[in-house]
C-alpha atoms as a PDB file:
ATOM      1  CA  UNK A   1     -83.475   5.567  56.636  1.00  0.00           C
ATOM      2  CA  UNK A   2     -79.916   6.157  55.327  1.00  0.00           C
ATOM      3  CA  UNK A   3     -79.410   9.264  52.978  1.00  0.00           C
ATOM      4  CA  UNK A   4     -76.198   8.946  50.726  1.00  0.00           C
ATOM      5  CA  UNK A   5     -74.419  12.481  50.165  1.00  0.00           C
ATOM      6  CA  UNK A   6     -70.941  14.247  50.031  1.00  0.00           C
ATOM      7  CA  UNK A   7     -71.004  17.141  52.244  1.00  0.00           C
ATOM      8  CA  UNK A   8     -69.622  19.719  49.291  1.00  0.00           C
ATOM      9  CA  UNK A   9     -72.366  18.551  46.918  1.00  0.00           C
ATOM     10  CA  UNK A  10     -75.341  21.379  46.466  1.00  0.00           C
ATOM     11  CA  UNK A  11     -77.493  18.750  45.563  1.00  0.00           C
ATOM     12  CA  UNK A  12     -77.268  16.936  49.128  1.00  0.00           C
ATOM     13  CA  UNK A  13     -76.911  19.776  50.924  1.00  0.00           C
ATOM     14  CA  UNK A  14     -80.870  20.549  49.943  1.00  0.00           C
ATOM     15  CA  UNK A  15     -81.935  17.885  51.610  1.00  0.00           C
ATOM     16  CA  UNK A  16     -79.713  17.875  54.300  1.00  0.00           C
ATOM     17  CA  UNK A  17     -80.974  21.422  54.900  1.00  0.00           C
ATOM     18  CA  UNK A  18     -84.671  20.282  54.611  1.00  0.00           C
ATOM     19  CA  UNK A  19     -84.132  17.496  57.417  1.00  0.00           C
ATOM     20  CA  UNK A  20     -83.000  19.755  60.052  1.00  0.00           C
ATOM     21  CA  UNK A  21     -85.853  22.483  59.032  1.00  0.00           C
ATOM     22  CA  UNK A  22     -88.398  19.664  59.218  1.00  0.00           C
ATOM     23  CA  UNK A  23     -86.620  18.124  62.607  1.00  0.00           C
ATOM     24  CA  UNK A  24     -86.238  15.129  60.473  1.00  0.00           C
ATOM     25  CA  UNK A  25     -82.651  13.493  61.782  1.00  0.00           C
ATOM     26  CA  UNK A  26     -83.884  11.334  64.484  1.00  0.00           C
ATOM     27  CA  UNK A  27     -85.192   9.180  61.460  1.00  0.00           C
ATOM     28  CA  UNK A  28     -82.596   9.433  59.077  1.00  0.00           C
ATOM     29  CA  UNK A  29     -78.757   8.777  58.954  1.00  0.00           C
ATOM     30  CA  UNK A  30     -76.737  10.436  56.462  1.00  0.00           C
ATOM     31  CA  UNK A  31     -74.255   8.499  54.946  1.00  0.00           C
ATOM     32  CA  UNK A  32     -71.372  10.842  53.557  1.00  0.00           C
ATOM     33  CA  UNK A  33     -69.152   9.032  50.752  1.00  0.00           C
ATOM     34  CA  UNK A  34     -66.395  10.176  48.435  1.00  0.00           C
ATOM     35  CA  UNK A  35     -67.357  10.464  44.520  1.00  0.00           C
ATOM     36  CA  UNK A  36     -66.212  12.392  41.246  1.00  0.00           C
ATOM     37  CA  UNK A  37     -67.036  11.489  37.725  1.00  0.00           C
ATOM     38  CA  UNK A  38     -64.693   8.961  37.366  1.00  0.00           C
ATOM     39  CA  UNK A  39     -64.604   7.061  40.377  1.00  0.00           C
ATOM     40  CA  UNK A  40     -67.974   6.043  41.767  1.00  0.00           C
ATOM     41  CA  UNK A  41     -68.746   5.086  45.383  1.00  0.00           C
ATOM     42  CA  UNK A  42     -70.274   2.136  45.983  1.00  0.00           C
ATOM     43  CA  UNK A  43     -72.989   3.089  48.406  1.00  0.00           C
ATOM     44  CA  UNK A  44     -73.864   5.759  46.190  1.00  0.00           C
ATOM     45  CA  UNK A  45     -74.389   3.156  43.480  1.00  0.00           C
ATOM     46  CA  UNK A  46     -76.300   1.307  45.269  1.00  0.00           C
ATOM     47  CA  UNK A  47     -78.695   4.118  45.883  1.00  0.00           C
ATOM     48  CA  UNK A  48     -79.026   5.276  42.421  1.00  0.00           C
ATOM     49  CA  UNK A  49     -77.610   3.220  39.390  1.00  0.00           C
ATOM     50  CA  UNK A  50     -75.884   6.288  37.539  1.00  0.00           C
ATOM     51  CA  UNK A  51     -73.844   6.568  41.004  1.00  0.00           C
ATOM     52  CA  UNK A  52     -75.244  10.051  41.670  1.00  0.00           C
ATOM     53  CA  UNK A  53     -75.973  11.886  44.645  1.00  0.00           C
ATOM     54  CA  UNK A  54     -77.925  12.273  46.855  1.00  0.00           C
ATOM     55  CA  UNK A  55     -79.694   9.030  46.889  1.00  0.00           C
ATOM     56  CA  UNK A  56     -82.535   7.730  49.952  1.00  0.00           C
ATOM     57  CA  UNK A  57     -82.698   4.764  50.809  1.00  0.00           C
ATOM     58  CA  UNK A  58     -85.906   3.123  51.837  1.00  0.00           C
ATOM     59  CA  UNK A  59     -86.142  -0.239  54.666  1.00  0.00           C
ATOM     60  CA  UNK A  60     -89.692  -0.220  52.940  1.00  0.00           C
ATOM     61  CA  UNK A  61     -89.255   0.555  49.135  1.00  0.00           C
ATOM     62  CA  UNK A  62     -86.582   0.909  46.140  1.00  0.00           C
ATOM     63  CA  UNK A  63     -84.349   4.107  46.702  1.00  0.00           C
ATOM     64  CA  UNK A  64     -85.220   7.615  45.508  1.00  0.00           C
ATOM     65  CA  UNK A  65     -82.265   9.487  43.489  1.00  0.00           C
ATOM     66  CA  UNK A  66     -82.991  12.682  42.474  1.00  0.00           C
ATOM     67  CA  UNK A  67     -82.685  15.932  44.774  1.00  0.00           C
ATOM     68  CA  UNK A  68     -86.337  17.217  43.693  1.00  0.00           C
ATOM     69  CA  UNK A  69     -87.662  13.591  44.491  1.00  0.00           C
ATOM     70  CA  UNK A  70     -86.022  13.017  47.587  1.00  0.00           C
ATOM     71  CA  UNK A  71     -87.421  16.917  48.815  1.00  0.00           C
ATOM     72  CA  UNK A  72     -90.895  15.779  47.688  1.00  0.00           C
ATOM     73  CA  UNK A  73     -90.842  12.723  49.605  1.00  0.00           C
ATOM     74  CA  UNK A  74     -89.472  14.070  52.523  1.00  0.00           C
ATOM     75  CA  UNK A  75     -91.634  16.832  52.769  1.00  0.00           C
ATOM     76  CA  UNK A  76     -94.725  15.227  51.970  1.00  0.00           C
ATOM     77  CA  UNK A  77     -93.369  12.973  54.703  1.00  0.00           C
ATOM     78  CA  UNK A  78     -93.009  15.718  57.360  1.00  0.00           C
ATOM     79  CA  UNK A  79     -96.186  17.863  56.410  1.00  0.00           C
ATOM     80  CA  UNK A  80     -94.181  20.693  56.490  1.00  0.00           C
ATOM     81  CA  UNK A  81     -95.030  22.397  53.256  1.00  0.00           C
ATOM     82  CA  UNK A  82     -92.604  23.619  51.801  1.00  0.00           C
ATOM     83  CA  UNK A  83     -93.809  22.998  48.167  1.00  0.00           C
ATOM     84  CA  UNK A  84     -96.832  25.054  49.286  1.00  0.00           C
ATOM     85  CA  UNK A  85    -100.401  24.628  46.926  1.00  0.00           C
ATOM     86  CA  UNK A  86    -100.906  27.736  46.595  1.00  0.00           C
ATOM     87  CA  UNK A  87     -97.472  29.044  44.443  1.00  0.00           C
ATOM     88  CA  UNK A  88     -96.476  25.541  44.251  1.00  0.00           C
ATOM     89  CA  UNK A  89     -95.448  25.923  39.989  1.00  0.00           C
ATOM     90  CA  UNK A  90     -93.407  29.316  41.277  1.00  0.00           C
ATOM     91  CA  UNK A  91     -91.989  27.714  43.972  1.00  0.00           C
ATOM     92  CA  UNK A  92     -91.115  24.635  41.610  1.00  0.00           C
ATOM     93  CA  UNK A  93     -89.755  26.895  39.289  1.00  0.00           C
ATOM     94  CA  UNK A  94     -87.560  28.822  41.316  1.00  0.00           C
ATOM     95  CA  UNK A  95     -86.174  25.561  42.860  1.00  0.00           C
ATOM     96  CA  UNK A  96     -85.500  24.656  38.986  1.00  0.00           C
ATOM     97  CA  UNK A  97     -83.553  27.851  38.600  1.00  0.00           C
ATOM     98  CA  UNK A  98     -81.985  27.259  41.708  1.00  0.00           C
ATOM     99  CA  UNK A  99     -80.764  23.307  40.453  1.00  0.00           C
ATOM    100  CA  UNK A 100     -79.768  24.660  37.089  1.00  0.00           C
ATOM    101  CA  UNK A 101     -77.583  27.120  38.956  1.00  0.00           C
ATOM    102  CA  UNK A 102     -75.723  23.838  40.689  1.00  0.00           C
ATOM    103  CA  UNK A 103     -75.599  22.062  36.880  1.00  0.00           C
ATOM    104  CA  UNK A 104     -73.440  24.498  35.904  1.00  0.00           C
ATOM    105  CA  UNK A 105     -71.448  25.388  38.980  1.00  0.00           C
ATOM    106  CA  UNK A 106     -70.680  21.596  39.450  1.00  0.00           C
ATOM    107  CA  UNK A 107     -69.675  20.823  35.346  1.00  0.00           C
ATOM    108  CA  UNK A 108     -67.320  24.069  35.566  1.00  0.00           C
ATOM    109  CA  UNK A 109     -65.936  23.013  39.166  1.00  0.00           C
ATOM    110  CA  UNK A 110     -64.874  19.312  37.415  1.00  0.00           C
ATOM    111  CA  UNK A 111     -63.767  21.077  34.421  1.00  0.00           C
ATOM    112  CA  UNK A 112     -61.623  22.953  36.858  1.00  0.00           C
ATOM    113  CA  UNK A 113     -60.438  20.111  39.301  1.00  0.00           C
ATOM    114  CA  UNK A 114     -60.043  17.243  37.429  1.00  0.00           C
ATOM    115  CA  UNK A 115     -58.786  18.344  33.680  1.00  0.00           C
ATOM    116  CA  UNK A 116     -54.620  19.492  33.536  1.00  0.00           C
ATOM    117  CA  UNK A 117     -55.207  23.544  32.995  1.00  0.00           C
ATOM    118  CA  UNK A 118     -54.045  23.281  29.421  1.00  0.00           C
ATOM    119  CA  UNK A 119     -56.868  20.837  28.556  1.00  0.00           C
ATOM    120  CA  UNK A 120     -59.323  23.122  30.016  1.00  0.00           C
ATOM    121  CA  UNK A 121     -61.811  24.690  28.112  1.00  0.00           C
ATOM    122  CA  UNK A 122     -62.564  28.245  28.816  1.00  0.00           C
ATOM    123  CA  UNK A 123     -64.985  28.695  25.995  1.00  0.00           C
ATOM    124  CA  UNK A 124     -67.313  26.648  27.789  1.00  0.00           C
ATOM    125  CA  UNK A 125     -66.494  27.539  31.186  1.00  0.00           C
ATOM    126  CA  UNK A 126     -67.270  31.545  30.037  1.00  0.00           C
ATOM    127  CA  UNK A 127     -70.661  29.743  28.571  1.00  0.00           C
ATOM    128  CA  UNK A 128     -71.548  27.910  31.717  1.00  0.00           C
ATOM    129  CA  UNK A 129     -70.901  31.345  33.782  1.00  0.00           C
ATOM    130  CA  UNK A 130     -73.446  33.145  31.091  1.00  0.00           C
ATOM    131  CA  UNK A 131     -75.756  30.613  32.668  1.00  0.00           C
ATOM    132  CA  UNK A 132     -75.332  30.916  35.861  1.00  0.00           C
ATOM    133  CA  UNK A 133     -75.239  35.136  35.387  1.00  0.00           C
ATOM    134  CA  UNK A 134     -78.452  34.571  33.621  1.00  0.00           C
ATOM    135  CA  UNK A 135     -80.616  32.912  36.336  1.00  0.00           C
ATOM    136  CA  UNK A 136     -79.062  35.342  38.756  1.00  0.00           C
ATOM    137  CA  UNK A 137     -80.488  38.122  37.183  1.00  0.00           C
ATOM    138  CA  UNK A 138     -83.549  36.062  36.925  1.00  0.00           C
ATOM    139  CA  UNK A 139     -84.180  35.782  40.355  1.00  0.00           C
ATOM    140  CA  UNK A 140     -82.637  39.158  41.181  1.00  0.00           C
ATOM    141  CA  UNK A 141     -85.442  40.492  38.715  1.00  0.00           C
ATOM    142  CA  UNK A 142     -88.437  38.304  38.832  1.00  0.00           C
ATOM    143  CA  UNK A 143     -88.680  35.893  41.988  1.00  0.00           C
ATOM    144  CA  UNK A 144     -87.163  37.972  45.333  1.00  0.00           C
ATOM    145  CA  UNK A 145     -90.567  37.981  46.722  1.00  0.00           C
ATOM    146  CA  UNK A 146     -90.424  34.017  46.631  1.00  0.00           C
ATOM    147  CA  UNK A 147     -87.177  34.282  48.204  1.00  0.00           C
ATOM    148  CA  UNK A 148     -88.683  36.433  50.816  1.00  0.00           C
ATOM    149  CA  UNK A 149     -92.170  34.476  51.612  1.00  0.00           C
ATOM    150  CA  UNK A 150     -92.523  32.019  54.259  1.00  0.00           C
ATOM    151  CA  UNK A 151     -89.464  29.033  54.155  1.00  0.00           C
ATOM    152  CA  UNK A 152     -90.067  27.309  50.668  1.00  0.00           C
ATOM    153  CA  UNK A 153     -88.018  24.604  48.734  1.00  0.00           C
ATOM    154  CA  UNK A 154     -87.289  27.689  46.391  1.00  0.00           C
ATOM    155  CA  UNK A 155     -85.477  29.069  48.553  1.00  0.00           C
ATOM    156  CA  UNK A 156     -83.562  26.588  50.600  1.00  0.00           C
ATOM    157  CA  UNK A 157     -82.486  25.773  46.698  1.00  0.00           C
ATOM    158  CA  UNK A 158     -81.420  28.933  46.189  1.00  0.00           C
ATOM    159  CA  UNK A 159     -79.304  29.294  49.381  1.00  0.00           C
ATOM    160  CA  UNK A 160     -77.612  25.880  48.329  1.00  0.00           C
ATOM    161  CA  UNK A 161     -76.979  27.298  45.063  1.00  0.00           C
ATOM    162  CA  UNK A 162     -75.477  30.431  46.072  1.00  0.00           C
ATOM    163  CA  UNK A 163     -73.425  28.882  48.573  1.00  0.00           C
ATOM    164  CA  UNK A 164     -71.847  26.585  46.045  1.00  0.00           C
ATOM    165  CA  UNK A 165     -71.000  29.333  44.044  1.00  0.00           C
ATOM    166  CA  UNK A 166     -69.364  31.087  47.236  1.00  0.00           C
ATOM    167  CA  UNK A 167     -67.511  27.506  47.743  1.00  0.00           C
ATOM    168  CA  UNK A 168     -66.168  26.813  44.473  1.00  0.00           C
ATOM    169  CA  UNK A 169     -66.461  30.106  42.352  1.00  0.00           C
ATOM    170  CA  UNK A 170     -66.019  33.093  44.442  1.00  0.00           C
ATOM    171  CA  UNK A 171     -63.232  34.761  42.267  1.00  0.00           C
ATOM    172  CA  UNK A 172     -65.990  35.320  39.758  1.00  0.00           C
ATOM    173  CA  UNK A 173     -68.262  37.820  41.671  1.00  0.00           C
ATOM    174  CA  UNK A 174     -71.874  36.793  41.126  1.00  0.00           C
ATOM    175  CA  UNK A 175     -72.916  39.329  43.705  1.00  0.00           C
ATOM    176  CA  UNK A 176     -71.479  42.213  41.383  1.00  0.00           C
ATOM    177  CA  UNK A 177     -75.010  43.397  39.630  1.00  0.00           C
ATOM    178  CA  UNK A 178     -77.221  41.465  42.072  1.00  0.00           C
ATOM    179  CA  UNK A 179     -76.979  43.714  45.360  1.00  0.00           C
ATOM    180  CA  UNK A 180     -80.646  42.421  46.858  1.00  0.00           C
ATOM    181  CA  UNK A 181     -80.265  38.707  45.732  1.00  0.00           C
ATOM    182  CA  UNK A 182     -76.546  39.271  47.882  1.00  0.00           C
ATOM    183  CA  UNK A 183     -78.398  40.970  50.850  1.00  0.00           C
ATOM    184  CA  UNK A 184     -80.812  37.532  50.670  1.00  0.00           C
ATOM    185  CA  UNK A 185     -78.170  35.436  50.537  1.00  0.00           C
ATOM    186  CA  UNK A 186     -76.315  37.135  53.639  1.00  0.00           C
ATOM    187  CA  UNK A 187     -79.556  36.960  55.620  1.00  0.00           C
ATOM    188  CA  UNK A 188     -80.314  33.134  54.564  1.00  0.00           C
ATOM    189  CA  UNK A 189     -77.424  31.384  55.110  1.00  0.00           C
ATOM    190  CA  UNK A 190     -77.191  32.537  59.132  1.00  0.00           C
ATOM    191  CA  UNK A 191     -79.875  30.244  59.413  1.00  0.00           C
ATOM    192  CA  UNK A 192     -78.861  26.976  61.966  1.00  0.00           C
ATOM    193  CA  UNK A 193     -79.766  24.559  59.210  1.00  0.00           C
ATOM    194  CA  UNK A 194     -77.527  26.640  56.904  1.00  0.00           C
ATOM    195  CA  UNK A 195     -74.495  27.131  59.187  1.00  0.00           C
ATOM    196  CA  UNK A 196     -74.107  23.111  60.154  1.00  0.00           C
ATOM    197  CA  UNK A 197     -74.444  21.936  56.487  1.00  0.00           C
ATOM    198  CA  UNK A 198     -71.737  24.493  55.104  1.00  0.00           C
ATOM    199  CA  UNK A 199     -69.071  22.621  54.309  1.00  0.00           C
ATOM    200  CA  UNK A 200     -65.444  23.127  54.756  1.00  0.00           C
END
């Protein structure tokens, strides 16, 4: 199988972390591509008709896309129980919260990196950051017990979301007011799977 990814994508990183945590790297080749909202890579299009990443090319079936679809598939394949039955809905909600953070942060990155500065919409950027801040508040206040539980996909998703904020939006200082979450992330990002997938 082939996993179509871009190194900086937090959505792709989620899957790459899972591959390392579940020892599936020998079975799945990571294919790194360069893509943007205006220039889609041919391999990315082959895996997903929208050209978005990640996608998983399978020899015995159609390609899978959307990071949450791929991680559920790979978790089931490995029997790793990163989606534990007992806490399934909580883990899915925490993972969804991480995905919402990723969506807003990636959108901000596109606005700031692809538009000329004089055309950037500051009010829209601030609104996206408010969504992120609200999500971080919710995680800090409601979800720390799940972040401190045995490894699950909610944790992996949140680790990759926070890593992307550090990569692209560190100036926003997300750690202010989120001391407990920040301390958790400082520990979580030391996992070998996180170190190996950390974008340059």
